[in-house]
Amino acid sequence: MSPQDLANAIVSGINAGGEQFLEGTLAAVLPVIWLALLGLHLGRPYILDMIDRFTLRLGADLLWLIYIALRDFLIVSGVVMSFMFFFPDVVISDQLPLTGGLAAVVLFAVLLIKLVGDPDHNPRSFRLVTYLLGLGALLYFIPYIFGVQANGVVTGTFADISNFLVTSTNPFWAVGIAYVSVGLLALMGAIAVWYTLRTGGRADVGETQDLASAPQA
């Protein structure tokens, strides 16, 4: 082996190792994102109760803005960090939760609902967002806990189930789910673009009327 070949092999190994380290870190951070997101969403009544206790309107507005910004930032961050699930070469080479891509699609659906509606004032939209967040959390946590985390611990039948829930040991399903996730994401992205172009970034008249008639939190 020539010095150039050795240098190329070292560089390739460093790049591959760095890529796997980054993807593994993102997969480990995503459960924290999901837990924080669920906590903020389900803790909305507590935030509203805290706002009612403020005697200064400015303090109440600041608390609400911080809450909304942090919650929506976590949703966007979760979608961006989940993009690795949409690449077949990544899912078959790394130990990732099998349905992580579908969880990302569900999280993007939450963003779509926030675009076309207002879950903070429309009770129906709020319930739909709650159901979607619960579904997305299940799609991520079940294969992550019983697949990725249990992969090197369980044996026998449970080992087969664990291997099925991990992308690197179940490449057929992993690639199929990745393509399905990309298709669903593209469809919702097209809907978002169509809605934005049709409304000019403003709420529909019907939606505005719904918000005006909906009970305020």
N, C-alpha and C. Protein backbone atom coordinates (compact mmCIF):
# COMPACT_ATOMS: atom_id res chain seq x y z
N MET A 1 0.85 -1.19 0.00
CA MET A 1 0.00 0.00 0.00
C MET A 1 0.89 1.25 0.00
N SER A 2 0.59 2.16 -0.91
CA SER A 2 1.37 3.39 -1.03
C SER A 2 0.97 4.38 0.06
N PRO A 3 1.81 5.35 0.35
CA PRO A 3 1.46 6.38 1.34
C PRO A 3 0.16 7.11 1.00
N GLN A 4 -0.09 7.32 -0.29
CA GLN A 4 -1.31 8.01 -0.69
C GLN A 4 -2.54 7.16 -0.39
N ASP A 5 -2.44 5.84 -0.68
CA ASP A 5 -3.55 4.95 -0.37
C ASP A 5 -3.81 4.90 1.13
N LEU A 6 -2.73 4.86 1.91
CA LEU A 6 -2.89 4.85 3.37
C LEU A 6 -3.55 6.13 3.86
N ALA A 7 -3.13 7.27 3.30
CA ALA A 7 -3.73 8.54 3.70
C ALA A 7 -5.21 8.59 3.33
N ASN A 8 -5.54 8.09 2.12
CA ASN A 8 -6.95 8.07 1.70
C ASN A 8 -7.78 7.16 2.60
N ALA A 9 -7.21 6.01 3.00
CA ALA A 9 -7.93 5.10 3.88
C ALA A 9 -8.17 5.73 5.24
N ILE A 10 -7.18 6.44 5.76
CA ILE A 10 -7.33 7.10 7.06
C ILE A 10 -8.39 8.19 7.00
N VAL A 11 -8.35 8.99 5.94
CA VAL A 11 -9.34 10.07 5.79
C VAL A 11 -10.74 9.50 5.65
N SER A 12 -10.88 8.43 4.85
CA SER A 12 -12.19 7.80 4.68
C SER A 12 -12.70 7.24 5.99
N GLY A 13 -11.80 6.61 6.76
CA GLY A 13 -12.21 6.08 8.05
C GLY A 13 -12.64 7.16 9.02
N ILE A 14 -11.90 8.27 9.03
CA ILE A 14 -12.28 9.38 9.91
C ILE A 14 -13.62 9.97 9.50
N ASN A 15 -13.84 10.13 8.20
CA ASN A 15 -15.11 10.68 7.72
C ASN A 15 -16.28 9.76 8.05
N ALA A 16 -16.09 8.45 7.82
CA ALA A 16 -17.15 7.49 8.11
C ALA A 16 -17.44 7.44 9.60
N GLY A 17 -16.38 7.43 10.41
CA GLY A 17 -16.57 7.40 11.85
C GLY A 17 -17.24 8.66 12.37
N GLY A 18 -16.83 9.82 11.83
CA GLY A 18 -17.47 11.07 12.24
C GLY A 18 -18.93 11.13 11.85
N GLU A 19 -19.25 10.61 10.65
CA GLU A 19 -20.64 10.60 10.21
C GLU A 19 -21.48 9.70 11.10
N GLN A 20 -21.00 8.50 11.41
CA GLN A 20 -21.75 7.60 12.27
C GLN A 20 -21.89 8.16 13.68
N PHE A 21 -20.84 8.83 14.17
CA PHE A 21 -20.93 9.44 15.49
C PHE A 21 -22.00 10.53 15.53
N LEU A 22 -22.03 11.36 14.49
CA LEU A 22 -23.02 12.43 14.43
C LEU A 22 -24.43 11.87 14.35
N GLU A 23 -24.64 10.87 13.50
CA GLU A 23 -25.97 10.29 13.35
C GLU A 23 -26.40 9.57 14.63
N GLY A 24 -25.46 8.86 15.28
CA GLY A 24 -25.80 8.22 16.54
C GLY A 24 -26.13 9.24 17.63
N THR A 25 -25.42 10.37 17.62
CA THR A 25 -25.70 11.43 18.60
C THR A 25 -27.08 12.03 18.37
N LEU A 26 -27.43 12.27 17.11
CA LEU A 26 -28.75 12.81 16.80
C LEU A 26 -29.85 11.84 17.22
N ALA A 27 -29.64 10.54 16.97
CA ALA A 27 -30.63 9.54 17.37
C ALA A 27 -30.79 9.50 18.88
N ALA A 28 -29.71 9.76 19.62
CA ALA A 28 -29.79 9.74 21.08
C ALA A 28 -30.38 11.03 21.63
N VAL A 29 -30.23 12.14 20.91
CA VAL A 29 -30.78 13.43 21.37
C VAL A 29 -32.27 13.54 21.06
N LEU A 30 -32.72 12.91 20.00
CA LEU A 30 -34.12 13.00 19.61
C LEU A 30 -35.10 12.57 20.71
N PRO A 31 -34.82 11.51 21.50
CA PRO A 31 -35.75 11.21 22.60
C PRO A 31 -35.89 12.36 23.59
N VAL A 32 -34.80 13.09 23.84
CA VAL A 32 -34.88 14.26 24.72
C VAL A 32 -35.76 15.33 24.10
N ILE A 33 -35.61 15.53 22.77
CA ILE A 33 -36.45 16.50 22.07
C ILE A 33 -37.92 16.12 22.19
N TRP A 34 -38.22 14.84 21.98
CA TRP A 34 -39.61 14.38 22.06
C TRP A 34 -40.18 14.56 23.46
N LEU A 35 -39.39 14.21 24.48
CA LEU A 35 -39.87 14.35 25.86
C LEU A 35 -40.12 15.82 26.20
N ALA A 36 -39.18 16.68 25.82
CA ALA A 36 -39.35 18.11 26.09
C ALA A 36 -40.56 18.66 25.34
N LEU A 37 -40.74 18.23 24.11
CA LEU A 37 -41.86 18.70 23.30
C LEU A 37 -43.19 18.26 23.90
N LEU A 38 -43.28 16.99 24.29
CA LEU A 38 -44.51 16.50 24.91
C LEU A 38 -44.78 17.23 26.23
N GLY A 39 -43.72 17.45 27.01
CA GLY A 39 -43.89 18.15 28.28
C GLY A 39 -44.40 19.56 28.09
N LEU A 40 -43.85 20.28 27.10
CA LEU A 40 -44.31 21.64 26.85
C LEU A 40 -45.74 21.67 26.33
N HIS A 41 -46.06 20.74 25.44
CA HIS A 41 -47.41 20.72 24.87
C HIS A 41 -48.45 20.37 25.93
N LEU A 42 -48.19 19.34 26.71
CA LEU A 42 -49.15 18.93 27.74
C LEU A 42 -49.14 19.88 28.93
N GLY A 43 -48.06 20.66 29.07
CA GLY A 43 -48.00 21.62 30.17
C GLY A 43 -48.61 22.96 29.84
N ARG A 44 -49.30 23.06 28.73
CA ARG A 44 -49.94 24.32 28.33
C ARG A 44 -50.93 24.83 29.38
N PRO A 45 -51.78 23.99 30.00
CA PRO A 45 -52.66 24.52 31.06
C PRO A 45 -51.90 25.16 32.21
N TYR A 46 -50.75 24.59 32.56
CA TYR A 46 -49.95 25.17 33.64
C TYR A 46 -49.42 26.54 33.23
N ILE A 47 -48.96 26.67 31.99
CA ILE A 47 -48.47 27.96 31.51
C ILE A 47 -49.59 29.00 31.53
N LEU A 48 -50.78 28.61 31.09
CA LEU A 48 -51.90 29.54 31.10
C LEU A 48 -52.27 29.95 32.52
N ASP A 49 -52.19 29.00 33.45
CA ASP A 49 -52.46 29.32 34.84
C ASP A 49 -51.43 30.30 35.39
N MET A 50 -50.16 30.09 35.01
CA MET A 50 -49.11 31.01 35.45
C MET A 50 -49.33 32.41 34.87
N ILE A 51 -49.79 32.46 33.61
CA ILE A 51 -50.04 33.76 32.98
C ILE A 51 -51.14 34.52 33.71
N ASP A 52 -52.17 33.80 34.16
CA ASP A 52 -53.26 34.46 34.87
C ASP A 52 -52.81 35.06 36.20
N ARG A 53 -51.70 34.56 36.75
CA ARG A 53 -51.21 35.07 38.03
C ARG A 53 -50.39 36.34 37.90
N PHE A 54 -49.99 36.66 36.65
CA PHE A 54 -49.17 37.86 36.46
C PHE A 54 -50.03 39.11 36.65
N THR A 55 -49.51 40.04 37.41
CA THR A 55 -50.19 41.34 37.56
C THR A 55 -49.73 42.33 36.51
N LEU A 56 -48.59 42.04 35.90
CA LEU A 56 -48.06 42.90 34.85
C LEU A 56 -48.29 42.23 33.50
N ARG A 57 -48.97 42.91 32.61
CA ARG A 57 -49.32 42.33 31.31
C ARG A 57 -48.07 42.01 30.51
N LEU A 58 -47.04 42.83 30.62
CA LEU A 58 -45.82 42.60 29.86
C LEU A 58 -45.18 41.27 30.25
N GLY A 59 -45.15 40.96 31.56
CA GLY A 59 -44.58 39.70 32.01
C GLY A 59 -45.35 38.51 31.48
N ALA A 60 -46.68 38.60 31.45
CA ALA A 60 -47.50 37.52 30.92
C ALA A 60 -47.24 37.31 29.43
N ASP A 61 -47.14 38.41 28.69
CA ASP A 61 -46.87 38.31 27.25
C ASP A 61 -45.50 37.70 26.99
N LEU A 62 -44.51 38.08 27.76
CA LEU A 62 -43.17 37.53 27.59
C LEU A 62 -43.14 36.04 27.88
N LEU A 63 -43.81 35.61 28.95
CA LEU A 63 -43.85 34.19 29.27
C LEU A 63 -44.51 33.40 28.16
N TRP A 64 -45.60 33.91 27.62
CA TRP A 64 -46.31 33.21 26.54
C TRP A 64 -45.46 33.14 25.28
N LEU A 65 -44.78 34.25 24.95
CA LEU A 65 -43.93 34.26 23.76
C LEU A 65 -42.76 33.28 23.90
N ILE A 66 -42.15 33.24 25.09
CA ILE A 66 -41.06 32.30 25.31
C ILE A 66 -41.54 30.86 25.21
N TYR A 67 -42.70 30.59 25.77
CA TYR A 67 -43.27 29.24 25.71
C TYR A 67 -43.54 28.82 24.27
N ILE A 68 -44.19 29.69 23.52
CA ILE A 68 -44.52 29.38 22.13
C ILE A 68 -43.26 29.20 21.30
N ALA A 69 -42.30 30.10 21.48
CA ALA A 69 -41.06 30.03 20.69
C ALA A 69 -40.28 28.76 20.99
N LEU A 70 -40.17 28.40 22.26
CA LEU A 70 -39.42 27.19 22.63
C LEU A 70 -40.12 25.94 22.11
N ARG A 71 -41.43 25.88 22.24
CA ARG A 71 -42.18 24.70 21.79
C ARG A 71 -42.07 24.53 20.28
N ASP A 72 -42.28 25.60 19.52
CA ASP A 72 -42.21 25.49 18.07
C ASP A 72 -40.78 25.27 17.58
N PHE A 73 -39.81 25.84 18.31
CA PHE A 73 -38.40 25.60 17.95
C PHE A 73 -38.05 24.12 18.10
N LEU A 74 -38.56 23.47 19.13
CA LEU A 74 -38.30 22.05 19.32
C LEU A 74 -38.95 21.22 18.21
N ILE A 75 -40.13 21.63 17.75
CA ILE A 75 -40.78 20.91 16.66
C ILE A 75 -39.94 21.00 15.38
N VAL A 76 -39.51 22.21 15.05
CA VAL A 76 -38.68 22.39 13.85
C VAL A 76 -37.36 21.64 14.00
N SER A 77 -36.75 21.72 15.18
CA SER A 77 -35.48 21.02 15.42
C SER A 77 -35.66 19.51 15.27
N GLY A 78 -36.78 18.98 15.78
CA GLY A 78 -37.03 17.55 15.66
C GLY A 78 -37.14 17.11 14.21
N VAL A 79 -37.80 17.91 13.39
CA VAL A 79 -37.92 17.58 11.97
C VAL A 79 -36.56 17.62 11.28
N VAL A 80 -35.79 18.68 11.55
CA VAL A 80 -34.47 18.82 10.91
C VAL A 80 -33.54 17.70 11.34
N MET A 81 -33.52 17.38 12.62
CA MET A 81 -32.62 16.34 13.12
C MET A 81 -33.03 14.95 12.64
N SER A 82 -34.27 14.80 12.19
CA SER A 82 -34.76 13.50 11.72
C SER A 82 -34.55 13.27 10.24
N PHE A 83 -33.91 14.21 9.56
CA PHE A 83 -33.72 14.06 8.12
C PHE A 83 -32.84 12.87 7.77
N MET A 84 -32.04 12.39 8.72
CA MET A 84 -31.19 11.24 8.44
C MET A 84 -32.02 9.99 8.17
N PHE A 85 -33.26 9.95 8.64
CA PHE A 85 -34.12 8.79 8.41
C PHE A 85 -34.62 8.72 6.97
N PHE A 86 -34.42 9.77 6.19
CA PHE A 86 -34.92 9.81 4.82
C PHE A 86 -33.87 9.36 3.80
N PHE A 87 -32.68 8.96 4.27
CA PHE A 87 -31.62 8.52 3.37
C PHE A 87 -31.39 7.02 3.55
N PRO A 88 -31.69 6.21 2.53
CA PRO A 88 -31.56 4.75 2.67
C PRO A 88 -30.16 4.29 3.05
N ASP A 89 -29.11 4.95 2.54
CA ASP A 89 -27.77 4.51 2.86
C ASP A 89 -27.44 4.72 4.33
N VAL A 90 -28.07 5.72 4.94
CA VAL A 90 -27.84 5.98 6.36
C VAL A 90 -28.56 4.96 7.23
N VAL A 91 -29.81 4.68 6.92
CA VAL A 91 -30.60 3.80 7.78
C VAL A 91 -30.10 2.36 7.74
N ILE A 92 -29.49 1.94 6.63
CA ILE A 92 -29.01 0.56 6.58
C ILE A 92 -27.61 0.40 7.16
N SER A 93 -26.93 1.52 7.40
CA SER A 93 -25.57 1.42 7.95
C SER A 93 -25.50 1.75 9.43
N ASP A 94 -26.51 2.43 9.97
CA ASP A 94 -26.51 2.82 11.38
C ASP A 94 -27.64 2.13 12.13
N GLN A 95 -27.47 1.97 13.43
CA GLN A 95 -28.51 1.41 14.28
C GLN A 95 -29.48 2.51 14.67
N LEU A 96 -30.57 2.61 13.93
CA LEU A 96 -31.58 3.64 14.16
C LEU A 96 -32.94 2.99 14.38
N PRO A 97 -33.85 3.66 15.07
CA PRO A 97 -35.20 3.11 15.24
C PRO A 97 -35.92 2.99 13.91
N LEU A 98 -36.58 1.88 13.70
CA LEU A 98 -37.14 1.55 12.39
C LEU A 98 -38.14 2.58 11.90
N THR A 99 -39.03 3.03 12.78
CA THR A 99 -40.09 3.94 12.36
C THR A 99 -39.76 5.40 12.70
N GLY A 100 -38.47 5.71 12.82
CA GLY A 100 -38.09 7.10 13.09
C GLY A 100 -38.49 8.04 11.97
N GLY A 101 -38.45 7.57 10.73
CA GLY A 101 -38.87 8.41 9.62
C GLY A 101 -40.35 8.75 9.67
N LEU A 102 -41.18 7.79 10.06
CA LEU A 102 -42.61 8.05 10.18
C LEU A 102 -42.87 9.02 11.33
N ALA A 103 -42.09 8.92 12.40
CA ALA A 103 -42.23 9.88 13.50
C ALA A 103 -41.91 11.29 13.03
N ALA A 104 -40.89 11.42 12.17
CA ALA A 104 -40.55 12.74 11.62
C ALA A 104 -41.68 13.26 10.73
N VAL A 105 -42.31 12.37 9.98
CA VAL A 105 -43.43 12.78 9.13
C VAL A 105 -44.58 13.29 9.99
N VAL A 106 -44.87 12.60 11.08
CA VAL A 106 -45.93 13.04 11.99
C VAL A 106 -45.59 14.41 12.57
N LEU A 107 -44.33 14.62 12.91
CA LEU A 107 -43.92 15.92 13.45
C LEU A 107 -44.06 17.02 12.40
N PHE A 108 -43.77 16.69 11.15
CA PHE A 108 -43.96 17.67 10.07
C PHE A 108 -45.45 17.95 9.88
N ALA A 109 -46.29 16.95 10.09
CA ALA A 109 -47.74 17.16 10.00
C ALA A 109 -48.21 18.16 11.05
N VAL A 110 -47.57 18.14 12.22
CA VAL A 110 -47.89 19.13 13.25
C VAL A 110 -47.58 20.53 12.75
N LEU A 111 -46.42 20.69 12.09
CA LEU A 111 -46.08 21.99 11.51
C LEU A 111 -47.09 22.41 10.45
N LEU A 112 -47.56 21.46 9.67
CA LEU A 112 -48.56 21.78 8.64
C LEU A 112 -49.86 22.26 9.27
N ILE A 113 -50.27 21.61 10.35
CA ILE A 113 -51.49 22.04 11.04
C ILE A 113 -51.32 23.43 11.60
N LYS A 114 -50.14 23.73 12.12
CA LYS A 114 -49.88 25.07 12.65
C LYS A 114 -49.87 26.09 11.53
N LEU A 115 -49.55 25.68 10.32
CA LEU A 115 -49.56 26.60 9.19
C LEU A 115 -50.98 26.93 8.75
N VAL A 116 -51.82 25.92 8.64
CA VAL A 116 -53.17 26.13 8.12
C VAL A 116 -54.18 26.46 9.21
N GLY A 117 -53.83 26.29 10.47
CA GLY A 117 -54.75 26.56 11.57
C GLY A 117 -54.04 27.21 12.73
N ASP A 118 -54.71 27.21 13.88
CA ASP A 118 -54.14 27.79 15.10
C ASP A 118 -54.51 26.91 16.28
N PRO A 119 -53.69 25.89 16.57
CA PRO A 119 -54.01 24.98 17.68
C PRO A 119 -54.07 25.66 19.04
N ASP A 120 -53.49 26.84 19.17
CA ASP A 120 -53.53 27.53 20.46
C ASP A 120 -54.87 28.17 20.75
N HIS A 121 -55.73 28.30 19.73
CA HIS A 121 -57.04 28.89 19.93
C HIS A 121 -58.17 28.02 19.40
N ASN A 122 -57.86 27.10 18.52
CA ASN A 122 -58.88 26.20 17.96
C ASN A 122 -58.82 24.87 18.69
N PRO A 123 -59.84 24.50 19.48
CA PRO A 123 -59.78 23.25 20.25
C PRO A 123 -59.62 22.01 19.38
N ARG A 124 -60.25 21.98 18.21
CA ARG A 124 -60.13 20.81 17.33
C ARG A 124 -58.70 20.63 16.84
N SER A 125 -58.08 21.73 16.45
CA SER A 125 -56.69 21.65 15.99
C SER A 125 -55.76 21.25 17.14
N PHE A 126 -56.05 21.74 18.34
CA PHE A 126 -55.22 21.39 19.49
C PHE A 126 -55.30 19.90 19.80
N ARG A 127 -56.50 19.35 19.74
CA ARG A 127 -56.65 17.90 19.98
C ARG A 127 -55.94 17.10 18.91
N LEU A 128 -56.04 17.54 17.65
CA LEU A 128 -55.37 16.82 16.57
C LEU A 128 -53.85 16.85 16.74
N VAL A 129 -53.31 18.00 17.14
CA VAL A 129 -51.87 18.10 17.39
C VAL A 129 -51.47 17.19 18.55
N THR A 130 -52.31 17.12 19.58
CA THR A 130 -52.01 16.25 20.72
C THR A 130 -51.95 14.79 20.29
N TYR A 131 -52.92 14.36 19.49
CA TYR A 131 -52.93 12.97 19.02
C TYR A 131 -51.70 12.69 18.15
N LEU A 132 -51.35 13.63 17.28
CA LEU A 132 -50.20 13.43 16.40
C LEU A 132 -48.90 13.36 17.18
N LEU A 133 -48.74 14.21 18.18
CA LEU A 133 -47.53 14.17 18.99
C LEU A 133 -47.43 12.85 19.77
N GLY A 134 -48.57 12.38 20.27
CA GLY A 134 -48.56 11.08 20.95
C GLY A 134 -48.19 9.95 20.01
N LEU A 135 -48.75 9.97 18.79
CA LEU A 135 -48.44 8.95 17.80
C LEU A 135 -46.97 9.01 17.40
N GLY A 136 -46.45 10.20 17.17
CA GLY A 136 -45.06 10.34 16.80
C GLY A 136 -44.11 9.86 17.89
N ALA A 137 -44.45 10.16 19.14
CA ALA A 137 -43.61 9.70 20.25
C ALA A 137 -43.59 8.18 20.33
N LEU A 138 -44.74 7.54 20.11
CA LEU A 138 -44.78 6.08 20.12
C LEU A 138 -43.96 5.50 18.96
N LEU A 139 -44.07 6.12 17.79
CA LEU A 139 -43.32 5.62 16.63
C LEU A 139 -41.82 5.73 16.83
N TYR A 140 -41.39 6.66 17.66
CA TYR A 140 -39.95 6.79 17.89
C TYR A 140 -39.49 5.99 19.10
N PHE A 141 -40.21 6.09 20.21
CA PHE A 141 -39.73 5.49 21.45
C PHE A 141 -39.82 3.96 21.44
N ILE A 142 -40.85 3.39 20.84
CA ILE A 142 -40.99 1.93 20.86
C ILE A 142 -39.81 1.26 20.16
N PRO A 143 -39.49 1.62 18.91
CA PRO A 143 -38.32 0.96 18.29
C PRO A 143 -36.99 1.40 18.91
N TYR A 144 -36.94 2.59 19.49
CA TYR A 144 -35.69 3.03 20.09
C TYR A 144 -35.39 2.27 21.38
N ILE A 145 -36.40 2.08 22.22
CA ILE A 145 -36.19 1.41 23.50
C ILE A 145 -36.08 -0.10 23.32
N PHE A 146 -37.06 -0.67 22.59
CA PHE A 146 -37.10 -2.13 22.44
C PHE A 146 -36.25 -2.64 21.28
N GLY A 147 -35.74 -1.71 20.47
CA GLY A 147 -34.88 -2.11 19.36
C GLY A 147 -33.44 -1.71 19.57
N VAL A 148 -33.17 -0.41 19.46
CA VAL A 148 -31.79 0.09 19.53
C VAL A 148 -31.18 -0.17 20.89
N GLN A 149 -31.88 0.18 21.96
CA GLN A 149 -31.33 0.04 23.30
C GLN A 149 -31.28 -1.41 23.77
N ALA A 150 -32.25 -2.22 23.36
CA ALA A 150 -32.30 -3.60 23.83
C ALA A 150 -31.58 -4.57 22.91
N ASN A 151 -31.01 -4.07 21.83
CA ASN A 151 -30.44 -4.95 20.82
C ASN A 151 -29.30 -5.81 21.35
N GLY A 152 -28.48 -5.28 22.21
CA GLY A 152 -27.35 -6.05 22.72
C GLY A 152 -27.59 -6.71 24.05
N VAL A 153 -28.85 -6.68 24.52
CA VAL A 153 -29.16 -7.21 25.86
C VAL A 153 -30.05 -8.44 25.78
N VAL A 154 -31.11 -8.36 24.98
CA VAL A 154 -32.09 -9.43 24.94
C VAL A 154 -31.59 -10.60 24.10
N THR A 155 -32.17 -11.76 24.32
CA THR A 155 -31.82 -12.98 23.58
C THR A 155 -33.09 -13.72 23.17
N GLY A 156 -32.92 -14.72 22.33
CA GLY A 156 -34.04 -15.55 21.92
C GLY A 156 -35.03 -14.81 21.05
N THR A 157 -36.32 -15.02 21.32
CA THR A 157 -37.39 -14.40 20.54
C THR A 157 -37.34 -12.89 20.64
N PHE A 158 -37.03 -12.40 21.83
CA PHE A 158 -36.95 -10.95 22.02
C PHE A 158 -35.82 -10.34 21.18
N ALA A 159 -34.76 -11.11 20.95
CA ALA A 159 -33.68 -10.63 20.10
C ALA A 159 -34.14 -10.47 18.66
N ASP A 160 -34.99 -11.39 18.19
CA ASP A 160 -35.53 -11.27 16.83
C ASP A 160 -36.41 -10.03 16.71
N ILE A 161 -37.22 -9.79 17.73
CA ILE A 161 -38.07 -8.59 17.72
C ILE A 161 -37.21 -7.34 17.75
N SER A 162 -36.18 -7.36 18.58
CA SER A 162 -35.28 -6.21 18.68
C SER A 162 -34.57 -5.95 17.35
N ASN A 163 -34.10 -7.00 16.70
CA ASN A 163 -33.44 -6.84 15.41
C ASN A 163 -34.40 -6.29 14.36
N PHE A 164 -35.66 -6.68 14.44
CA PHE A 164 -36.65 -6.18 13.49
C PHE A 164 -36.86 -4.68 13.64
N LEU A 165 -36.73 -4.16 14.85
CA LEU A 165 -37.00 -2.76 15.12
C LEU A 165 -35.80 -1.85 14.88
N VAL A 166 -34.66 -2.44 14.46
CA VAL A 166 -33.45 -1.66 14.20
C VAL A 166 -33.21 -1.63 12.69
N THR A 167 -32.89 -0.47 12.16
CA THR A 167 -32.78 -0.32 10.71
C THR A 167 -31.62 -1.12 10.12
N SER A 168 -30.47 -1.16 10.81
CA SER A 168 -29.30 -1.83 10.24
C SER A 168 -29.46 -3.34 10.17
N THR A 169 -30.31 -3.92 11.02
CA THR A 169 -30.56 -5.37 11.00
C THR A 169 -31.86 -5.72 10.30
N ASN A 170 -32.54 -4.73 9.77
CA ASN A 170 -33.78 -4.96 9.03
C ASN A 170 -33.80 -4.00 7.83
N PRO A 171 -32.84 -4.16 6.90
CA PRO A 171 -32.68 -3.19 5.82
C PRO A 171 -33.88 -3.12 4.87
N PHE A 172 -34.56 -4.26 4.66
CA PHE A 172 -35.69 -4.26 3.72
C PHE A 172 -36.78 -3.31 4.19
N TRP A 173 -37.22 -3.48 5.43
CA TRP A 173 -38.25 -2.60 5.98
C TRP A 173 -37.72 -1.18 6.16
N ALA A 174 -36.46 -1.05 6.53
CA ALA A 174 -35.89 0.27 6.78
C ALA A 174 -35.92 1.12 5.51
N VAL A 175 -35.48 0.53 4.38
CA VAL A 175 -35.47 1.28 3.12
C VAL A 175 -36.90 1.57 2.66
N GLY A 176 -37.80 0.59 2.81
CA GLY A 176 -39.19 0.82 2.43
C GLY A 176 -39.84 1.95 3.22
N ILE A 177 -39.62 1.96 4.54
CA ILE A 177 -40.19 3.02 5.37
C ILE A 177 -39.55 4.36 5.03
N ALA A 178 -38.27 4.35 4.70
CA ALA A 178 -37.60 5.60 4.32
C ALA A 178 -38.23 6.20 3.07
N TYR A 179 -38.50 5.37 2.07
CA TYR A 179 -39.12 5.88 0.85
C TYR A 179 -40.55 6.34 1.10
N VAL A 180 -41.30 5.60 1.90
CA VAL A 180 -42.66 6.01 2.24
C VAL A 180 -42.64 7.35 2.98
N SER A 181 -41.69 7.50 3.90
CA SER A 181 -41.58 8.74 4.66
C SER A 181 -41.25 9.91 3.75
N VAL A 182 -40.35 9.70 2.80
CA VAL A 182 -40.00 10.76 1.85
C VAL A 182 -41.22 11.15 1.02
N GLY A 183 -41.99 10.16 0.58
CA GLY A 183 -43.18 10.45 -0.20
C GLY A 183 -44.21 11.25 0.59
N LEU A 184 -44.46 10.85 1.83
CA LEU A 184 -45.42 11.58 2.66
C LEU A 184 -44.93 12.99 2.96
N LEU A 185 -43.64 13.12 3.21
CA LEU A 185 -43.08 14.45 3.47
C LEU A 185 -43.19 15.35 2.25
N ALA A 186 -42.93 14.79 1.07
CA ALA A 186 -43.05 15.57 -0.15
C ALA A 186 -44.50 16.00 -0.39
N LEU A 187 -45.45 15.11 -0.10
CA LEU A 187 -46.87 15.43 -0.28
C LEU A 187 -47.28 16.57 0.65
N MET A 188 -46.91 16.47 1.91
CA MET A 188 -47.27 17.53 2.86
C MET A 188 -46.54 18.83 2.54
N GLY A 189 -45.30 18.72 2.05
CA GLY A 189 -44.58 19.91 1.64
C GLY A 189 -45.27 20.61 0.47
N ALA A 190 -45.79 19.82 -0.48
CA ALA A 190 -46.52 20.40 -1.60
C ALA A 190 -47.80 21.08 -1.13
N ILE A 191 -48.48 20.46 -0.16
CA ILE A 191 -49.69 21.08 0.40
C ILE A 191 -49.35 22.40 1.09
N ALA A 192 -48.25 22.42 1.83
CA ALA A 192 -47.83 23.64 2.51
C ALA A 192 -47.52 24.75 1.51
N VAL A 193 -46.82 24.40 0.43
CA VAL A 193 -46.49 25.41 -0.59
C VAL A 193 -47.75 25.91 -1.26
N TRP A 194 -48.67 24.99 -1.60
CA TRP A 194 -49.93 25.39 -2.24
C TRP A 194 -50.74 26.30 -1.33
N TYR A 195 -50.82 25.97 -0.06
CA TYR A 195 -51.59 26.79 0.87
C TYR A 195 -50.97 28.18 1.03
N THR A 196 -49.64 28.22 1.13
CA THR A 196 -48.97 29.51 1.30
C THR A 196 -49.14 30.39 0.07
N LEU A 197 -49.04 29.80 -1.12
CA LEU A 197 -49.22 30.59 -2.34
C LEU A 197 -50.67 31.04 -2.50
N ARG A 198 -51.61 30.20 -2.09
CA ARG A 198 -53.03 30.55 -2.25
C ARG A 198 -53.47 31.64 -1.29
N THR A 199 -52.95 31.59 -0.08
CA THR A 199 -53.38 32.56 0.94
C THR A 199 -52.42 33.73 1.09
N GLY A 200 -51.27 33.66 0.45
CA GLY A 200 -50.30 34.72 0.63
C GLY A 200 -49.71 34.79 2.01
N GLY A 201 -49.73 33.66 2.72
CA GLY A 201 -49.19 33.62 4.07
C GLY A 201 -50.16 34.08 5.14
N ARG A 202 -51.41 34.38 4.75
CA ARG A 202 -52.41 34.83 5.71
C ARG A 202 -53.46 33.75 5.91
N ALA A 203 -54.13 33.79 7.05
CA ALA A 203 -55.16 32.79 7.35
C ALA A 203 -56.35 32.99 6.45
N ASP A 204 -57.03 31.88 6.12
CA ASP A 204 -58.25 31.96 5.34
C ASP A 204 -59.33 32.69 6.12
N VAL A 205 -60.34 33.17 5.37
CA VAL A 205 -61.45 33.85 6.02
C VAL A 205 -62.20 32.89 6.92
N GLY A 206 -62.41 31.66 6.41
CA GLY A 206 -63.11 30.66 7.22
C GLY A 206 -62.36 30.34 8.49
N GLU A 207 -61.05 30.22 8.37
CA GLU A 207 -60.23 29.93 9.55
C GLU A 207 -60.28 31.08 10.53
N THR A 208 -60.24 32.33 9.99
CA THR A 208 -60.30 33.49 10.86
C THR A 208 -61.61 33.54 11.63
N GLN A 209 -62.71 33.20 10.95
CA GLN A 209 -63.99 33.16 11.62
C GLN A 209 -64.04 32.08 12.69
N ASP A 210 -63.43 30.91 12.40
CA ASP A 210 -63.37 29.84 13.40
C ASP A 210 -62.61 30.30 14.64
N LEU A 211 -61.51 31.00 14.43
CA LEU A 211 -60.71 31.46 15.56
C LEU A 211 -61.47 32.50 16.37
N ALA A 212 -62.26 33.34 15.67
CA ALA A 212 -63.01 34.38 16.38
C ALA A 212 -64.12 33.78 17.21
N SER A 213 -64.72 32.67 16.74
CA SER A 213 -65.82 32.05 17.47
C SER A 213 -65.35 31.02 18.46
N ALA A 214 -64.07 30.60 18.39
CA ALA A 214 -63.57 29.58 19.31
C ALA A 214 -63.36 30.17 20.68
N PRO A 215 -63.55 29.38 21.75
CA PRO A 215 -63.31 29.88 23.10
C PRO A 215 -61.85 30.18 23.31
N GLN A 216 -61.56 31.35 23.86
CA GLN A 216 -60.19 31.76 24.09
C GLN A 216 -59.64 31.09 25.32
N ALA A 217 -58.30 30.70 25.25
CA ALA A 217 -57.68 30.06 26.39
C ALA A 217 -57.41 31.07 27.49
